[in-house]
Amino acid sequence: MNRYSTMLLLGSLTMTTFAHADALDGLFDNSIVGSISQAINDAYKPNNNNDDDRRWDDENQRRNDDDRRQYEDLHRQLEDRRRQLDNQQRQLDDQRRQLEEDERRLDDDYR
């Protein structure tokens, strides 16, 4: 009886292993494996679509460069305007001091 149950257990395990192997084989159908292989090949050896990507990257880089230049030009213009306003403010401050001095002199002269 012991031998019979051992053989039965061994046979069941063998059949279960074959069943699992068959199920796994069904999962890895040739079309699935082919799709995965193609995806891996495309990832490591891209075809001509890479030219489109490079062209897009170049255009994007040019656009970014143009935007950067435009920003720098506008920033320079603002800095120039700030310097002009600072100069005007200095002139106004000088004129105000001169006016205050003239006013003090006038007051001193008539007191």
Protein backbone atom coordinates (compact mmCIF):
# COMPACT_ATOMS: atom_id res chain seq x y z
CA MET A 1 0.00 0.00 0.00
CA ASN A 2 2.85 2.31 0.78
CA ARG A 3 4.36 1.89 -2.66
CA TYR A 4 1.01 2.46 -4.30
CA SER A 5 0.47 5.78 -2.45
CA THR A 6 4.03 6.90 -3.24
CA MET A 7 3.52 6.17 -6.92
CA LEU A 8 0.18 7.92 -6.87
CA LEU A 9 1.70 10.99 -5.18
CA LEU A 10 4.65 11.05 -7.57
CA GLY A 11 2.34 10.69 -10.58
CA SER A 12 0.10 13.51 -9.35
CA LEU A 13 3.06 15.83 -8.85
CA THR A 14 4.37 15.03 -12.31
CA MET A 15 0.99 15.70 -13.92
CA THR A 16 0.64 18.96 -11.97
CA THR A 17 4.07 20.10 -13.14
CA PHE A 18 3.18 19.35 -16.75
CA ALA A 19 -0.11 21.21 -16.34
CA HIS A 20 1.67 24.28 -14.98
CA ALA A 21 4.25 24.14 -17.75
CA ASP A 22 1.48 23.89 -20.34
CA ALA A 23 -0.34 26.86 -18.80
CA LEU A 24 2.86 28.94 -18.82
CA ASP A 25 3.49 27.96 -22.42
CA GLY A 26 0.02 29.27 -23.28
CA LEU A 27 0.84 32.59 -21.62
CA PHE A 28 3.98 33.03 -23.66
CA ASP A 29 2.36 32.74 -27.04
CA ASN A 30 4.61 33.53 -29.99
CA SER A 31 2.79 36.78 -30.73
CA ILE A 32 3.30 38.02 -27.17
CA VAL A 33 6.98 37.08 -27.25
CA GLY A 34 7.32 38.74 -30.66
CA SER A 35 5.70 41.94 -29.39
CA ILE A 36 7.97 42.05 -26.37
CA SER A 37 11.03 41.39 -28.52
CA GLN A 38 10.02 44.15 -30.93
CA ALA A 39 9.51 46.60 -28.06
CA ILE A 40 12.94 45.78 -26.65
CA ASN A 41 14.56 46.15 -30.07
CA ASP A 42 12.82 49.48 -30.63
CA ALA A 43 14.00 50.71 -27.25
CA TYR A 44 17.64 49.84 -27.88
CA LYS A 45 17.81 50.34 -31.64
CA PRO A 46 15.32 53.02 -32.59
CA ASN A 47 14.47 53.35 -36.25
CA ASN A 48 14.00 56.54 -38.28
CA ASN A 49 11.46 57.93 -35.82
CA ASN A 50 14.50 59.19 -33.96
CA ASP A 51 15.06 61.75 -36.75
CA ASP A 52 11.63 63.20 -36.04
CA ASP A 53 12.49 63.35 -32.35
CA ARG A 54 15.79 65.11 -33.10
CA ARG A 55 14.06 67.55 -35.42
CA TRP A 56 11.47 68.31 -32.73
CA ASP A 57 14.24 68.69 -30.13
CA ASP A 58 16.14 71.07 -32.43
CA GLU A 59 13.03 73.17 -33.06
CA ASN A 60 12.26 73.19 -29.37
CA GLN A 61 15.83 74.25 -28.58
CA ARG A 62 15.66 77.05 -31.18
CA ARG A 63 12.36 78.20 -29.75
CA ASN A 64 13.83 78.19 -26.25
CA ASP A 65 16.89 80.12 -27.47
CA ASP A 66 14.64 82.70 -29.16
CA ASP A 67 12.55 83.03 -26.03
CA ARG A 68 15.69 83.44 -23.94
CA ARG A 69 17.08 86.11 -26.29
CA GLN A 70 13.77 87.96 -26.23
CA TYR A 71 13.72 87.80 -22.43
CA GLU A 72 17.28 89.13 -22.21
CA ASP A 73 16.49 91.97 -24.65
CA LEU A 74 13.43 92.99 -22.66
CA HIS A 75 15.41 92.74 -19.44
CA ARG A 76 18.14 94.99 -20.89
CA GLN A 77 15.52 97.51 -21.98
CA LEU A 78 14.07 97.56 -18.49
CA GLU A 79 17.52 98.04 -16.98
CA ASP A 80 18.18 100.93 -19.38
CA ARG A 81 14.88 102.50 -18.43
CA ARG A 82 15.73 102.02 -14.73
CA ARG A 83 19.08 103.81 -15.25
CA GLN A 84 17.33 106.66 -17.05
CA LEU A 85 14.85 107.02 -14.21
CA ASP A 86 17.67 106.93 -11.66
CA ASN A 87 19.47 109.71 -13.56
CA GLN A 88 16.29 111.75 -13.73
CA GLN A 89 15.73 111.22 -10.02
CA ARG A 90 19.29 112.40 -9.27
CA GLN A 91 18.72 115.50 -11.38
CA LEU A 92 15.44 116.19 -9.56
CA ASP A 93 17.14 115.69 -6.20
CA ASP A 94 19.90 118.11 -7.22
CA GLN A 95 17.34 120.66 -8.37
CA ARG A 96 15.41 120.26 -5.12
CA ARG A 97 18.57 120.84 -3.07
CA GLN A 98 19.37 123.88 -5.15
CA LEU A 99 15.86 125.19 -4.65
CA GLU A 100 16.09 124.64 -0.89
CA GLU A 101 19.44 126.46 -0.78
CA ASP A 102 18.02 129.35 -2.75
CA GLU A 103 15.05 129.46 -0.44
CA ARG A 104 17.30 129.54 2.66
CA ARG A 105 19.42 132.28 1.16
CA LEU A 106 16.34 134.30 0.40
CA ASP A 107 15.09 133.84 3.94
CA ASP A 108 18.52 134.80 5.34
CA ASP A 109 18.66 137.89 3.18
CA TYR A 110 15.27 139.21 4.30
CA ARG A 111 15.59 138.51 8.02
